[in-house]
C-alpha cells in the first residue's frame, strides 16, 4: 500500500513539473537579428514568459535554437 501511495505521489509531481517544461524551437534566417526576431515571435505565440538562446550557427544562413519557458 505504501508503494502505491509513493507511486501516485511521483506521478502527481511529474505531471505538475511537466507543465513547466521548456519547449525547444529552431529557426533559420539570413541575419542574427532576423533569427532572434523569429524566436521572439514563436515565444510570444506559444505564450512563453521567456526564451534562452542555446545555439546559433552562422554559415550561409543563421541557424538558431532556443528554449522557451512558461
N, C-alpha and C. Protein backbone atom coordinates (compact mmCIF):
# COMPACT_ATOMS: atom_id res chain seq x y z
N UNK A 1 0.83 -1.19 0.00
CA UNK A 1 0.00 0.00 0.00
C UNK A 1 0.87 1.25 0.00
N UNK A 2 1.97 1.20 0.77
CA UNK A 2 2.86 2.35 0.84
C UNK A 2 3.48 2.63 -0.53
N UNK A 3 3.83 1.59 -1.27
CA UNK A 3 4.44 1.78 -2.59
C UNK A 3 3.43 2.38 -3.57
N UNK A 4 2.16 2.07 -3.43
CA UNK A 4 1.13 2.65 -4.30
C UNK A 4 1.00 4.14 -4.02
N UNK A 5 1.01 4.53 -2.74
CA UNK A 5 0.93 5.95 -2.39
C UNK A 5 2.14 6.71 -2.93
N UNK A 6 3.32 6.10 -2.81
CA UNK A 6 4.53 6.73 -3.33
C UNK A 6 4.45 6.88 -4.84
N UNK A 7 3.97 5.85 -5.52
CA UNK A 7 3.85 5.89 -6.97
C UNK A 7 2.88 7.00 -7.40
N UNK A 8 1.77 7.11 -6.73
CA UNK A 8 0.78 8.15 -7.05
C UNK A 8 1.38 9.54 -6.80
N UNK A 9 2.14 9.70 -5.73
CA UNK A 9 2.78 10.99 -5.44
C UNK A 9 3.79 11.36 -6.52
N UNK A 10 4.56 10.39 -6.97
CA UNK A 10 5.55 10.64 -8.02
C UNK A 10 4.86 11.04 -9.32
N UNK A 11 3.80 10.37 -9.68
CA UNK A 11 3.05 10.70 -10.90
C UNK A 11 2.47 12.11 -10.80
N UNK A 12 1.91 12.46 -9.66
CA UNK A 12 1.33 13.79 -9.48
C UNK A 12 2.39 14.88 -9.59
N UNK A 13 3.54 14.67 -8.99
CA UNK A 13 4.62 15.66 -9.06
C UNK A 13 5.18 15.78 -10.47
N UNK A 14 5.35 14.67 -11.15
CA UNK A 14 5.89 14.74 -12.51
C UNK A 14 4.91 15.41 -13.45
N UNK A 15 3.63 15.25 -13.23
CA UNK A 15 2.63 15.92 -14.07
C UNK A 15 2.65 17.42 -13.84
N UNK A 16 2.86 17.85 -12.61
CA UNK A 16 2.89 19.29 -12.33
C UNK A 16 4.15 19.92 -12.89
N UNK A 17 5.28 19.22 -12.82
CA UNK A 17 6.51 19.76 -13.37
C UNK A 17 6.50 19.71 -14.89
N UNK A 18 5.76 18.80 -15.47
CA UNK A 18 5.68 18.70 -16.92
C UNK A 18 5.09 19.94 -17.57
N UNK A 19 4.22 20.64 -16.86
CA UNK A 19 3.62 21.85 -17.42
C UNK A 19 4.61 23.01 -17.47
N UNK A 20 5.71 22.92 -16.72
CA UNK A 20 6.72 23.96 -16.72
C UNK A 20 7.93 23.59 -17.57
N UNK A 21 7.87 22.50 -18.29
CA UNK A 21 9.00 22.05 -19.09
C UNK A 21 9.27 23.02 -20.23
N UNK A 22 10.53 23.14 -20.57
CA UNK A 22 10.92 24.03 -21.65
C UNK A 22 10.60 23.41 -23.00
N UNK A 23 10.25 24.24 -23.94
CA UNK A 23 9.99 23.82 -25.30
C UNK A 23 11.14 24.34 -26.15
N UNK A 24 11.68 23.52 -27.05
CA UNK A 24 12.79 23.92 -27.90
C UNK A 24 12.28 24.28 -29.28
N UNK A 25 12.77 25.40 -29.82
CA UNK A 25 12.42 25.82 -31.17
C UNK A 25 13.70 26.14 -31.93
N UNK A 26 13.66 25.95 -33.24
CA UNK A 26 14.78 26.27 -34.12
C UNK A 26 14.28 27.09 -35.30
N UNK A 27 15.09 28.05 -35.73
CA UNK A 27 14.74 28.89 -36.88
C UNK A 27 15.97 29.08 -37.76
N UNK A 28 15.73 29.50 -38.99
CA UNK A 28 16.79 29.83 -39.93
C UNK A 28 16.45 31.17 -40.57
N UNK A 29 17.46 32.05 -40.67
CA UNK A 29 17.28 33.36 -41.28
C UNK A 29 18.61 33.80 -41.88
N UNK A 30 18.60 34.90 -42.59
CA UNK A 30 19.83 35.39 -43.20
C UNK A 30 20.65 36.25 -42.25
N UNK A 31 20.06 36.74 -41.12
CA UNK A 31 20.79 37.56 -40.15
C UNK A 31 20.51 37.09 -38.73
N UNK A 32 21.42 37.45 -37.83
CA UNK A 32 21.22 37.11 -36.42
C UNK A 32 19.98 37.79 -35.85
N UNK A 33 19.81 39.07 -36.19
CA UNK A 33 18.64 39.79 -35.66
C UNK A 33 17.34 39.24 -36.21
N UNK A 34 17.35 38.80 -37.46
CA UNK A 34 16.15 38.19 -38.03
C UNK A 34 15.81 36.87 -37.37
N UNK A 35 16.83 36.07 -37.08
CA UNK A 35 16.61 34.79 -36.41
C UNK A 35 16.09 35.01 -34.99
N UNK A 36 16.67 35.99 -34.28
CA UNK A 36 16.19 36.26 -32.93
C UNK A 36 14.76 36.80 -32.93
N UNK A 37 14.43 37.60 -33.93
CA UNK A 37 13.06 38.10 -34.05
C UNK A 37 12.08 36.95 -34.26
N UNK A 38 12.47 35.95 -35.04
CA UNK A 38 11.61 34.78 -35.24
C UNK A 38 11.44 33.99 -33.95
N UNK A 39 12.54 33.84 -33.19
CA UNK A 39 12.47 33.15 -31.88
C UNK A 39 11.51 33.90 -30.96
N UNK A 40 11.65 35.23 -30.90
CA UNK A 40 10.79 36.04 -30.04
C UNK A 40 9.33 35.91 -30.45
N UNK A 41 9.07 35.88 -31.76
CA UNK A 41 7.69 35.74 -32.24
C UNK A 41 7.12 34.37 -31.87
N UNK A 42 7.93 33.32 -31.99
CA UNK A 42 7.45 31.99 -31.62
C UNK A 42 7.22 31.90 -30.12
N UNK A 43 8.07 32.55 -29.33
CA UNK A 43 7.89 32.55 -27.87
C UNK A 43 6.59 33.25 -27.51
N UNK A 44 6.34 34.38 -28.15
CA UNK A 44 5.10 35.12 -27.88
C UNK A 44 3.88 34.30 -28.28
N UNK A 45 3.95 33.65 -29.45
CA UNK A 45 2.83 32.84 -29.95
C UNK A 45 2.57 31.65 -29.02
N UNK A 46 3.62 31.07 -28.45
CA UNK A 46 3.46 29.91 -27.57
C UNK A 46 3.08 30.31 -26.15
N UNK A 47 3.06 31.62 -25.86
CA UNK A 47 2.71 32.08 -24.53
C UNK A 47 3.84 31.91 -23.53
N UNK A 48 5.07 31.86 -24.01
CA UNK A 48 6.22 31.68 -23.13
C UNK A 48 6.53 32.98 -22.39
N UNK A 49 6.99 32.84 -21.16
CA UNK A 49 7.36 34.02 -20.38
C UNK A 49 8.76 34.50 -20.73
N UNK A 50 9.60 33.60 -21.24
CA UNK A 50 10.94 33.98 -21.65
C UNK A 50 11.52 32.93 -22.60
N UNK A 51 12.66 33.27 -23.19
CA UNK A 51 13.38 32.31 -24.02
C UNK A 51 14.87 32.46 -23.77
N UNK A 52 15.61 31.39 -23.99
CA UNK A 52 17.05 31.37 -23.80
C UNK A 52 17.67 30.76 -25.05
N UNK A 53 18.47 31.53 -25.75
CA UNK A 53 19.12 31.03 -26.97
C UNK A 53 20.22 30.06 -26.55
N UNK A 54 20.13 28.85 -27.04
CA UNK A 54 21.08 27.82 -26.65
C UNK A 54 22.13 27.56 -27.71
N UNK A 55 21.85 27.98 -28.95
CA UNK A 55 22.80 27.70 -30.03
C UNK A 55 22.53 28.64 -31.19
N UNK A 56 23.60 29.14 -31.79
CA UNK A 56 23.48 29.94 -33.00
C UNK A 56 24.66 29.61 -33.91
N UNK A 57 24.37 29.32 -35.14
CA UNK A 57 25.41 28.96 -36.11
C UNK A 57 25.26 29.86 -37.33
N UNK A 58 26.36 30.45 -37.76
CA UNK A 58 26.34 31.35 -38.90
C UNK A 58 27.21 30.75 -40.01
N UNK A 59 26.56 30.19 -41.01
CA UNK A 59 27.23 29.71 -42.21
C UNK A 59 26.74 30.58 -43.35
N UNK A 60 26.15 29.98 -44.36
CA UNK A 60 25.49 30.76 -45.41
C UNK A 60 24.25 31.44 -44.86
N UNK A 61 23.64 30.83 -43.87
CA UNK A 61 22.49 31.40 -43.17
C UNK A 61 22.68 31.19 -41.67
N UNK A 62 21.88 31.88 -40.89
CA UNK A 62 21.95 31.75 -39.44
C UNK A 62 20.93 30.70 -39.00
N UNK A 63 21.40 29.74 -38.23
CA UNK A 63 20.52 28.73 -37.63
C UNK A 63 20.57 28.99 -36.13
N UNK A 64 19.41 29.15 -35.49
CA UNK A 64 19.36 29.46 -34.06
C UNK A 64 18.36 28.55 -33.37
N UNK A 65 18.74 28.08 -32.19
CA UNK A 65 17.89 27.23 -31.36
C UNK A 65 17.73 27.90 -30.00
N UNK A 66 16.52 27.82 -29.46
CA UNK A 66 16.24 28.41 -28.15
C UNK A 66 15.28 27.54 -27.37
N UNK A 67 15.33 27.68 -26.05
CA UNK A 67 14.37 27.02 -25.16
C UNK A 67 13.37 28.06 -24.68
N UNK A 68 12.11 27.76 -24.83
CA UNK A 68 11.04 28.63 -24.35
C UNK A 68 10.60 28.13 -23.00
N UNK A 69 10.42 29.05 -22.05
CA UNK A 69 9.92 28.66 -20.73
C UNK A 69 8.62 29.40 -20.44
N UNK A 70 7.73 28.70 -19.77
CA UNK A 70 6.42 29.28 -19.47
C UNK A 70 6.36 29.70 -18.04
